[in-house]
mmCIF file of all heavy atoms, coordinates in Angstrom:
data_MODEL
# 
_entry.id   MODEL 
# 
loop_
_atom_site.group_PDB 
_atom_site.id 
_atom_site.type_symbol 
_atom_site.label_atom_id 
_atom_site.label_alt_id 
_atom_site.label_comp_id 
_atom_site.label_asym_id 
_atom_site.label_entity_id 
_atom_site.label_seq_id 
_atom_site.pdbx_PDB_ins_code 
_atom_site.Cartn_x 
_atom_site.Cartn_y 
_atom_site.Cartn_z 
_atom_site.occupancy 
_atom_site.B_iso_or_equiv 
_atom_site.pdbx_formal_charge 
_atom_site.auth_seq_id 
_atom_site.auth_comp_id 
_atom_site.auth_asym_id 
_atom_site.auth_atom_id 
_atom_site.pdbx_PDB_model_num 
ATOM 1   N N   . ILE A 1 1  ? 84.226  84.304 69.942 1.00 0.00 ? 1  ILE A N   1 
ATOM 2   C CA  . ILE A 1 1  ? 84.888  85.233 69.027 1.00 0.00 ? 1  ILE A CA  1 
ATOM 3   C C   . ILE A 1 1  ? 84.007  85.528 67.814 1.00 0.00 ? 1  ILE A C   1 
ATOM 4   O O   . ILE A 1 1  ? 84.085  86.604 67.217 1.00 0.00 ? 1  ILE A O   1 
ATOM 5   C CB  . ILE A 1 1  ? 86.268  84.674 68.590 1.00 0.00 ? 1  ILE A CB  1 
ATOM 6   C CG1 . ILE A 1 1  ? 87.142  85.809 68.069 1.00 0.00 ? 1  ILE A CG1 1 
ATOM 7   C CG2 . ILE A 1 1  ? 86.118  83.574 67.559 1.00 0.00 ? 1  ILE A CG2 1 
ATOM 8   C CD1 . ILE A 1 1  ? 88.588  85.421 67.854 1.00 0.00 ? 1  ILE A CD1 1 
ATOM 9   N N   . THR A 1 2  ? 83.138  84.583 67.445 1.00 0.00 ? 2  THR A N   1 
ATOM 10  C CA  . THR A 1 2  ? 82.222  84.821 66.325 1.00 0.00 ? 2  THR A CA  1 
ATOM 11  C C   . THR A 1 2  ? 81.112  85.781 66.724 1.00 0.00 ? 2  THR A C   1 
ATOM 12  O O   . THR A 1 2  ? 80.698  86.633 65.934 1.00 0.00 ? 2  THR A O   1 
ATOM 13  C CB  . THR A 1 2  ? 81.606  83.493 65.856 1.00 0.00 ? 2  THR A CB  1 
ATOM 14  O OG1 . THR A 1 2  ? 82.647  82.577 65.509 1.00 0.00 ? 2  THR A OG1 1 
ATOM 15  C CG2 . THR A 1 2  ? 80.708  83.705 64.636 1.00 0.00 ? 2  THR A CG2 1 
ATOM 16  N N   . PHE A 1 3  ? 80.645  85.666 67.946 1.00 0.00 ? 3  PHE A N   1 
ATOM 17  C CA  . PHE A 1 3  ? 79.508  86.456 68.414 1.00 0.00 ? 3  PHE A CA  1 
ATOM 18  C C   . PHE A 1 3  ? 79.927  87.843 68.888 1.00 0.00 ? 3  PHE A C   1 
ATOM 19  O O   . PHE A 1 3  ? 79.279  88.848 68.563 1.00 0.00 ? 3  PHE A O   1 
ATOM 20  C CB  . PHE A 1 3  ? 78.806  85.689 69.529 1.00 0.00 ? 3  PHE A CB  1 
ATOM 21  C CG  . PHE A 1 3  ? 77.572  86.364 70.068 1.00 0.00 ? 3  PHE A CG  1 
ATOM 22  C CD1 . PHE A 1 3  ? 76.765  87.159 69.270 1.00 0.00 ? 3  PHE A CD1 1 
ATOM 23  C CD2 . PHE A 1 3  ? 77.208  86.186 71.391 1.00 0.00 ? 3  PHE A CD2 1 
ATOM 24  C CE1 . PHE A 1 3  ? 75.624  87.781 69.770 1.00 0.00 ? 3  PHE A CE1 1 
ATOM 25  C CE2 . PHE A 1 3  ? 76.066  86.783 71.903 1.00 0.00 ? 3  PHE A CE2 1 
ATOM 26  C CZ  . PHE A 1 3  ? 75.276  87.585 71.099 1.00 0.00 ? 3  PHE A CZ  1 
ATOM 27  N N   . VAL A 1 4  ? 80.998  87.929 69.660 1.00 0.00 ? 4  VAL A N   1 
ATOM 28  C CA  . VAL A 1 4  ? 81.352  89.210 70.283 1.00 0.00 ? 4  VAL A CA  1 
ATOM 29  C C   . VAL A 1 4  ? 82.735  89.714 69.891 1.00 0.00 ? 4  VAL A C   1 
ATOM 30  O O   . VAL A 1 4  ? 83.232  90.685 70.470 1.00 0.00 ? 4  VAL A O   1 
ATOM 31  C CB  . VAL A 1 4  ? 81.251  89.109 71.822 1.00 0.00 ? 4  VAL A CB  1 
ATOM 32  C CG1 . VAL A 1 4  ? 79.830  88.812 72.238 1.00 0.00 ? 4  VAL A CG1 1 
ATOM 33  C CG2 . VAL A 1 4  ? 82.204  88.046 72.361 1.00 0.00 ? 4  VAL A CG2 1 
ATOM 34  N N   . SER A 1 5  ? 83.383  89.035 68.941 1.00 0.00 ? 5  SER A N   1 
ATOM 35  C CA  . SER A 1 5  ? 84.693  89.445 68.458 1.00 0.00 ? 5  SER A CA  1 
ATOM 36  C C   . SER A 1 5  ? 85.758  89.282 69.560 1.00 0.00 ? 5  SER A C   1 
ATOM 37  O O   . SER A 1 5  ? 85.567  88.549 70.525 1.00 0.00 ? 5  SER A O   1 
ATOM 38  C CB  . SER A 1 5  ? 84.652  90.888 67.940 1.00 0.00 ? 5  SER A CB  1 
ATOM 39  O OG  . SER A 1 5  ? 85.853  91.224 67.281 1.00 0.00 ? 5  SER A OG  1 
ATOM 40  N N   . ASN A 1 6  ? 86.868  89.988 69.412 1.00 0.00 ? 6  ASN A N   1 
ATOM 41  C CA  . ASN A 1 6  ? 88.011  89.849 70.313 1.00 0.00 ? 6  ASN A CA  1 
ATOM 42  C C   . ASN A 1 6  ? 88.485  91.237 70.721 1.00 0.00 ? 6  ASN A C   1 
ATOM 43  O O   . ASN A 1 6  ? 89.505  91.727 70.243 1.00 0.00 ? 6  ASN A O   1 
ATOM 44  C CB  . ASN A 1 6  ? 89.121  89.059 69.606 1.00 0.00 ? 6  ASN A CB  1 
ATOM 45  C CG  . ASN A 1 6  ? 90.307  88.788 70.489 1.00 0.00 ? 6  ASN A CG  1 
ATOM 46  O OD1 . ASN A 1 6  ? 90.268  88.982 71.705 1.00 0.00 ? 6  ASN A OD1 1 
ATOM 47  N ND2 . ASN A 1 6  ? 91.406  88.349 69.886 1.00 0.00 ? 6  ASN A ND2 1 
ATOM 48  N N   . ILE A 1 7  ? 87.739  91.868 71.596 1.00 0.00 ? 7  ILE A N   1 
ATOM 49  C CA  . ILE A 1 7  ? 87.989  93.255 71.986 1.00 0.00 ? 7  ILE A CA  1 
ATOM 50  C C   . ILE A 1 7  ? 88.703  93.282 73.334 1.00 0.00 ? 7  ILE A C   1 
ATOM 51  O O   . ILE A 1 7  ? 88.123  92.872 74.352 1.00 0.00 ? 7  ILE A O   1 
ATOM 52  C CB  . ILE A 1 7  ? 86.678  94.049 72.082 1.00 0.00 ? 7  ILE A CB  1 
ATOM 53  C CG1 . ILE A 1 7  ? 85.885  93.926 70.772 1.00 0.00 ? 7  ILE A CG1 1 
ATOM 54  C CG2 . ILE A 1 7  ? 86.955  95.507 72.413 1.00 0.00 ? 7  ILE A CG2 1 
ATOM 55  C CD1 . ILE A 1 7  ? 84.497  94.508 70.843 1.00 0.00 ? 7  ILE A CD1 1 
ATOM 56  N N   . PRO A 1 8  ? 89.951  93.751 73.395 1.00 0.00 ? 8  PRO A N   1 
ATOM 57  C CA  . PRO A 1 8  ? 90.688  93.788 74.670 1.00 0.00 ? 8  PRO A CA  1 
ATOM 58  C C   . PRO A 1 8  ? 89.934  94.583 75.738 1.00 0.00 ? 8  PRO A C   1 
ATOM 59  O O   . PRO A 1 8  ? 89.439  95.685 75.477 1.00 0.00 ? 8  PRO A O   1 
ATOM 60  C CB  . PRO A 1 8  ? 92.006  94.479 74.298 1.00 0.00 ? 8  PRO A CB  1 
ATOM 61  C CG  . PRO A 1 8  ? 92.171  94.186 72.834 1.00 0.00 ? 8  PRO A CG  1 
ATOM 62  C CD  . PRO A 1 8  ? 90.780  94.207 72.261 1.00 0.00 ? 8  PRO A CD  1 
ATOM 63  N N   . GLY A 1 9  ? 89.824  93.992 76.907 1.00 0.00 ? 9  GLY A N   1 
ATOM 64  C CA  . GLY A 1 9  ? 89.163  94.653 78.018 1.00 0.00 ? 9  GLY A CA  1 
ATOM 65  C C   . GLY A 1 9  ? 87.660  94.526 78.019 1.00 0.00 ? 9  GLY A C   1 
ATOM 66  O O   . GLY A 1 9  ? 87.014  94.869 79.014 1.00 0.00 ? 9  GLY A O   1 
ATOM 67  N N   . GLU A 1 10 ? 87.075  94.034 76.930 1.00 0.00 ? 10 GLU A N   1 
ATOM 68  C CA  . GLU A 1 10 ? 85.614  93.923 76.845 1.00 0.00 ? 10 GLU A CA  1 
ATOM 69  C C   . GLU A 1 10 ? 85.174  92.486 76.563 1.00 0.00 ? 10 GLU A C   1 
ATOM 70  O O   . GLU A 1 10 ? 84.314  91.956 77.259 1.00 0.00 ? 10 GLU A O   1 
ATOM 71  C CB  . GLU A 1 10 ? 85.069  94.836 75.745 1.00 0.00 ? 10 GLU A CB  1 
ATOM 72  C CG  . GLU A 1 10 ? 83.556  94.801 75.581 1.00 0.00 ? 10 GLU A CG  1 
ATOM 73  C CD  . GLU A 1 10 ? 82.823  95.335 76.790 1.00 0.00 ? 10 GLU A CD  1 
ATOM 74  O OE1 . GLU A 1 10 ? 83.341  96.288 77.422 1.00 0.00 ? 10 GLU A OE1 1 
ATOM 75  O OE2 . GLU A 1 10 ? 81.734  94.829 77.109 1.00 0.00 ? 10 GLU A OE2 1 
ATOM 76  N N   . THR A 1 11 ? 85.763  91.870 75.554 1.00 0.00 ? 11 THR A N   1 
ATOM 77  C CA  . THR A 1 11 ? 85.368  90.498 75.215 1.00 0.00 ? 11 THR A CA  1 
ATOM 78  C C   . THR A 1 11 ? 86.566  89.559 75.062 1.00 0.00 ? 11 THR A C   1 
ATOM 79  O O   . THR A 1 11 ? 86.387  88.400 74.710 1.00 0.00 ? 11 THR A O   1 
ATOM 80  C CB  . THR A 1 11 ? 84.564  90.470 73.899 1.00 0.00 ? 11 THR A CB  1 
ATOM 81  O OG1 . THR A 1 11 ? 85.403  90.888 72.814 1.00 0.00 ? 11 THR A OG1 1 
ATOM 82  C CG2 . THR A 1 11 ? 83.342  91.368 73.987 1.00 0.00 ? 11 THR A CG2 1 
ATOM 83  N N   . GLN A 1 12 ? 87.772  90.060 75.308 1.00 0.00 ? 12 GLN A N   1 
ATOM 84  C CA  . GLN A 1 12 ? 88.964  89.222 75.130 1.00 0.00 ? 12 GLN A CA  1 
ATOM 85  C C   . GLN A 1 12 ? 89.197  88.356 76.360 1.00 0.00 ? 12 GLN A C   1 
ATOM 86  O O   . GLN A 1 12 ? 89.760  88.773 77.355 1.00 0.00 ? 12 GLN A O   1 
ATOM 87  C CB  . GLN A 1 12 ? 90.203  90.073 74.858 1.00 0.00 ? 12 GLN A CB  1 
ATOM 88  C CG  . GLN A 1 12 ? 91.419  89.253 74.447 1.00 0.00 ? 12 GLN A CG  1 
ATOM 89  C CD  . GLN A 1 12 ? 92.614  90.117 74.124 1.00 0.00 ? 12 GLN A CD  1 
ATOM 90  O OE1 . GLN A 1 12 ? 93.300  90.594 75.021 1.00 0.00 ? 12 GLN A OE1 1 
ATOM 91  N NE2 . GLN A 1 12 ? 92.871  90.338 72.844 1.00 0.00 ? 12 GLN A NE2 1 
ATOM 92  N N   . THR A 1 13 ? 88.745  87.115 76.280 1.00 0.00 ? 13 THR A N   1 
ATOM 93  C CA  . THR A 1 13 ? 88.920  86.159 77.366 1.00 0.00 ? 13 THR A CA  1 
ATOM 94  C C   . THR A 1 13 ? 90.275  85.468 77.232 1.00 0.00 ? 13 THR A C   1 
ATOM 95  O O   . THR A 1 13 ? 91.066  85.800 76.338 1.00 0.00 ? 13 THR A O   1 
ATOM 96  C CB  . THR A 1 13 ? 87.799  85.112 77.337 1.00 0.00 ? 13 THR A CB  1 
ATOM 97  O OG1 . THR A 1 13 ? 87.825  84.449 76.056 1.00 0.00 ? 13 THR A OG1 1 
ATOM 98  C CG2 . THR A 1 13 ? 86.437  85.771 77.528 1.00 0.00 ? 13 THR A CG2 1 
ATOM 99  N N   . LEU A 1 14 ? 90.540  84.506 78.108 1.00 0.00 ? 14 LEU A N   1 
ATOM 100 C CA  . LEU A 1 14 ? 91.820  83.800 78.051 1.00 0.00 ? 14 LEU A CA  1 
ATOM 101 C C   . LEU A 1 14 ? 92.056  83.161 76.687 1.00 0.00 ? 14 LEU A C   1 
ATOM 102 O O   . LEU A 1 14 ? 93.137  83.289 76.101 1.00 0.00 ? 14 LEU A O   1 
ATOM 103 C CB  . LEU A 1 14 ? 91.857  82.714 79.141 1.00 0.00 ? 14 LEU A CB  1 
ATOM 104 C CG  . LEU A 1 14 ? 92.330  83.121 80.530 1.00 0.00 ? 14 LEU A CG  1 
ATOM 105 C CD1 . LEU A 1 14 ? 92.205  81.944 81.476 1.00 0.00 ? 14 LEU A CD1 1 
ATOM 106 C CD2 . LEU A 1 14 ? 93.760  83.621 80.490 1.00 0.00 ? 14 LEU A CD2 1 
ATOM 107 N N   . ALA A 1 15 ? 91.051  82.458 76.192 1.00 0.00 ? 15 ALA A N   1 
ATOM 108 C CA  . ALA A 1 15 ? 91.207  81.772 74.906 1.00 0.00 ? 15 ALA A CA  1 
ATOM 109 C C   . ALA A 1 15 ? 91.460  82.763 73.777 1.00 0.00 ? 15 ALA A C   1 
ATOM 110 O O   . ALA A 1 15 ? 92.307  82.531 72.905 1.00 0.00 ? 15 ALA A O   1 
ATOM 111 C CB  . ALA A 1 15 ? 89.962  80.941 74.617 1.00 0.00 ? 15 ALA A CB  1 
ATOM 112 N N   . SER A 1 16 ? 90.726  83.865 73.786 1.00 0.00 ? 16 SER A N   1 
ATOM 113 C CA  . SER A 1 16 ? 90.917  84.886 72.746 1.00 0.00 ? 16 SER A CA  1 
ATOM 114 C C   . SER A 1 16 ? 92.285  85.537 72.848 1.00 0.00 ? 16 SER A C   1 
ATOM 115 O O   . SER A 1 16 ? 92.923  85.839 71.836 1.00 0.00 ? 16 SER A O   1 
ATOM 116 C CB  . SER A 1 16 ? 89.824  85.947 72.856 1.00 0.00 ? 16 SER A CB  1 
ATOM 117 O OG  . SER A 1 16 ? 88.538  85.383 72.711 1.00 0.00 ? 16 SER A OG  1 
ATOM 118 N N   . ALA A 1 17 ? 92.739  85.755 74.084 1.00 0.00 ? 17 ALA A N   1 
ATOM 119 C CA  . ALA A 1 17 ? 94.057  86.362 74.275 1.00 0.00 ? 17 ALA A CA  1 
ATOM 120 C C   . ALA A 1 17 ? 95.161  85.430 73.783 1.00 0.00 ? 17 ALA A C   1 
ATOM 121 O O   . ALA A 1 17 ? 96.136  85.884 73.169 1.00 0.00 ? 17 ALA A O   1 
ATOM 122 C CB  . ALA A 1 17 ? 94.265  86.698 75.751 1.00 0.00 ? 17 ALA A CB  1 
ATOM 123 N N   . ILE A 1 18 ? 95.012  84.135 74.043 1.00 0.00 ? 18 ILE A N   1 
ATOM 124 C CA  . ILE A 1 18 ? 96.003  83.170 73.553 1.00 0.00 ? 18 ILE A CA  1 
ATOM 125 C C   . ILE A 1 18 ? 96.057  83.209 72.033 1.00 0.00 ? 18 ILE A C   1 
ATOM 126 O O   . ILE A 1 18 ? 97.135  83.221 71.427 1.00 0.00 ? 18 ILE A O   1 
ATOM 127 C CB  . ILE A 1 18 ? 95.652  81.748 74.044 1.00 0.00 ? 18 ILE A CB  1 
ATOM 128 C CG1 . ILE A 1 18 ? 95.839  81.658 75.562 1.00 0.00 ? 18 ILE A CG1 1 
ATOM 129 C CG2 . ILE A 1 18 ? 96.525  80.707 73.343 1.00 0.00 ? 18 ILE A CG2 1 
ATOM 130 C CD1 . ILE A 1 18 ? 95.344  80.362 76.154 1.00 0.00 ? 18 ILE A CD1 1 
ATOM 131 N N   . TYR A 1 19 ? 94.898  83.240 71.410 1.00 0.00 ? 19 TYR A N   1 
ATOM 132 C CA  . TYR A 1 19 ? 94.841  83.310 69.939 1.00 0.00 ? 19 TYR A CA  1 
ATOM 133 C C   . TYR A 1 19 ? 95.536  84.582 69.434 1.00 0.00 ? 19 TYR A C   1 
ATOM 134 O O   . TYR A 1 19 ? 96.289  84.540 68.458 1.00 0.00 ? 19 TYR A O   1 
ATOM 135 C CB  . TYR A 1 19 ? 93.390  83.288 69.488 1.00 0.00 ? 19 TYR A CB  1 
ATOM 136 C CG  . TYR A 1 19 ? 93.213  83.521 68.007 1.00 0.00 ? 19 TYR A CG  1 
ATOM 137 C CD1 . TYR A 1 19 ? 93.471  82.511 67.083 1.00 0.00 ? 19 TYR A CD1 1 
ATOM 138 C CD2 . TYR A 1 19 ? 92.795  84.766 67.529 1.00 0.00 ? 19 TYR A CD2 1 
ATOM 139 C CE1 . TYR A 1 19 ? 93.319  82.726 65.723 1.00 0.00 ? 19 TYR A CE1 1 
ATOM 140 C CE2 . TYR A 1 19 ? 92.643  84.988 66.167 1.00 0.00 ? 19 TYR A CE2 1 
ATOM 141 C CZ  . TYR A 1 19 ? 92.907  83.968 65.277 1.00 0.00 ? 19 TYR A CZ  1 
ATOM 142 O OH  . TYR A 1 19 ? 92.755  84.192 63.935 1.00 0.00 ? 19 TYR A OH  1 
ATOM 143 N N   . THR A 1 20 ? 95.291  85.688 70.111 1.00 0.00 ? 20 THR A N   1 
ATOM 144 C CA  . THR A 1 20 ? 95.895  86.956 69.703 1.00 0.00 ? 20 THR A CA  1 
ATOM 145 C C   . THR A 1 20 ? 97.414  86.893 69.786 1.00 0.00 ? 20 THR A C   1 
ATOM 146 O O   . THR A 1 20 ? 98.129  87.318 68.864 1.00 0.00 ? 20 THR A O   1 
ATOM 147 C CB  . THR A 1 20 ? 95.380  88.099 70.585 1.00 0.00 ? 20 THR A CB  1 
ATOM 148 O OG1 . THR A 1 20 ? 93.968  88.222 70.430 1.00 0.00 ? 20 THR A OG1 1 
ATOM 149 C CG2 . THR A 1 20 ? 96.039  89.424 70.203 1.00 0.00 ? 20 THR A CG2 1 
ATOM 150 N N   . TYR A 1 21 ? 97.918  86.353 70.897 1.00 0.00 ? 21 TYR A N   1 
ATOM 151 C CA  . TYR A 1 21 ? 99.367  86.294 71.086 1.00 0.00 ? 21 TYR A CA  1 
ATOM 152 C C   . TYR A 1 21 ? 100.047 85.359 70.087 1.00 0.00 ? 21 TYR A C   1 
ATOM 153 O O   . TYR A 1 21 ? 101.210 85.563 69.745 1.00 0.00 ? 21 TYR A O   1 
ATOM 154 C CB  . TYR A 1 21 ? 99.709  85.862 72.515 1.00 0.00 ? 21 TYR A CB  1 
ATOM 155 C CG  . TYR A 1 21 ? 99.471  86.941 73.540 1.00 0.00 ? 21 TYR A CG  1 
ATOM 156 C CD1 . TYR A 1 21 ? 98.709  86.698 74.678 1.00 0.00 ? 21 TYR A CD1 1 
ATOM 157 C CD2 . TYR A 1 21 ? 100.017 88.214 73.379 1.00 0.00 ? 21 TYR A CD2 1 
ATOM 158 C CE1 . TYR A 1 21 ? 98.479  87.688 75.625 1.00 0.00 ? 21 TYR A CE1 1 
ATOM 159 C CE2 . TYR A 1 21 ? 99.801  89.211 74.313 1.00 0.00 ? 21 TYR A CE2 1 
ATOM 160 C CZ  . TYR A 1 21 ? 99.027  88.947 75.442 1.00 0.00 ? 21 TYR A CZ  1 
ATOM 161 O OH  . TYR A 1 21 ? 98.808  89.938 76.374 1.00 0.00 ? 21 TYR A OH  1 
ATOM 162 N N   . THR A 1 22 ? 99.333  84.341 69.636 1.00 0.00 ? 22 THR A N   1 
ATOM 163 C CA  . THR A 1 22 ? 99.929  83.441 68.642 1.00 0.00 ? 22 THR A CA  1 
ATOM 164 C C   . THR A 1 22 ? 100.014 84.081 67.257 1.00 0.00 ? 22 THR A C   1 
ATOM 165 O O   . THR A 1 22 ? 100.712 83.573 66.377 1.00 0.00 ? 22 THR A O   1 
ATOM 166 C CB  . THR A 1 22 ? 99.129  82.132 68.525 1.00 0.00 ? 22 THR A CB  1 
ATOM 167 O OG1 . THR A 1 22 ? 97.785  82.428 68.110 1.00 0.00 ? 22 THR A OG1 1 
ATOM 168 C CG2 . THR A 1 22 ? 99.104  81.392 69.847 1.00 0.00 ? 22 THR A CG2 1 
ATOM 169 N N   . GLN A 1 23 ? 99.305  85.184 67.074 1.00 0.00 ? 23 GLN A N   1 
ATOM 170 C CA  . GLN A 1 23 ? 99.273  85.850 65.770 1.00 0.00 ? 23 GLN A CA  1 
ATOM 171 C C   . GLN A 1 23 ? 100.249 87.019 65.670 1.00 0.00 ? 23 GLN A C   1 
ATOM 172 O O   . GLN A 1 23 ? 100.392 87.613 64.598 1.00 0.00 ? 23 GLN A O   1 
ATOM 173 C CB  . GLN A 1 23 ? 97.852  86.364 65.473 1.00 0.00 ? 23 GLN A CB  1 
ATOM 174 C CG  . GLN A 1 23 ? 96.774  85.294 65.511 1.00 0.00 ? 23 GLN A CG  1 
ATOM 175 C CD  . GLN A 1 23 ? 97.041  84.185 64.526 1.00 0.00 ? 23 GLN A CD  1 
ATOM 176 O OE1 . GLN A 1 23 ? 97.231  84.419 63.341 1.00 0.00 ? 23 GLN A OE1 1 
ATOM 177 N NE2 . GLN A 1 23 ? 97.051  82.946 65.028 1.00 0.00 ? 23 GLN A NE2 1 
ATOM 178 N N   . VAL A 1 24 ? 100.908 87.372 66.786 1.00 0.00 ? 24 VAL A N   1 
ATOM 179 C CA  . VAL A 1 24 ? 101.832 88.517 66.749 1.00 0.00 ? 24 VAL A CA  1 
ATOM 180 C C   . VAL A 1 24 ? 103.255 88.029 66.999 1.00 0.00 ? 24 VAL A C   1 
ATOM 181 O O   . VAL A 1 24 ? 103.482 87.075 67.755 1.00 0.00 ? 24 VAL A O   1 
ATOM 182 C CB  . VAL A 1 24 ? 101.438 89.565 67.817 1.00 0.00 ? 24 VAL A CB  1 
ATOM 183 C CG1 . VAL A 1 24 ? 100.056 90.112 67.536 1.00 0.00 ? 24 VAL A CG1 1 
ATOM 184 C CG2 . VAL A 1 24 ? 101.505 88.973 69.216 1.00 0.00 ? 24 VAL A CG2 1 
# 
């Protein structure tokens, strides 16, 4: 997430998606 951010469909992996869902 530090290197490539959290872009849905491009860099949003499972871990990033979990983080996103915990924030909404």
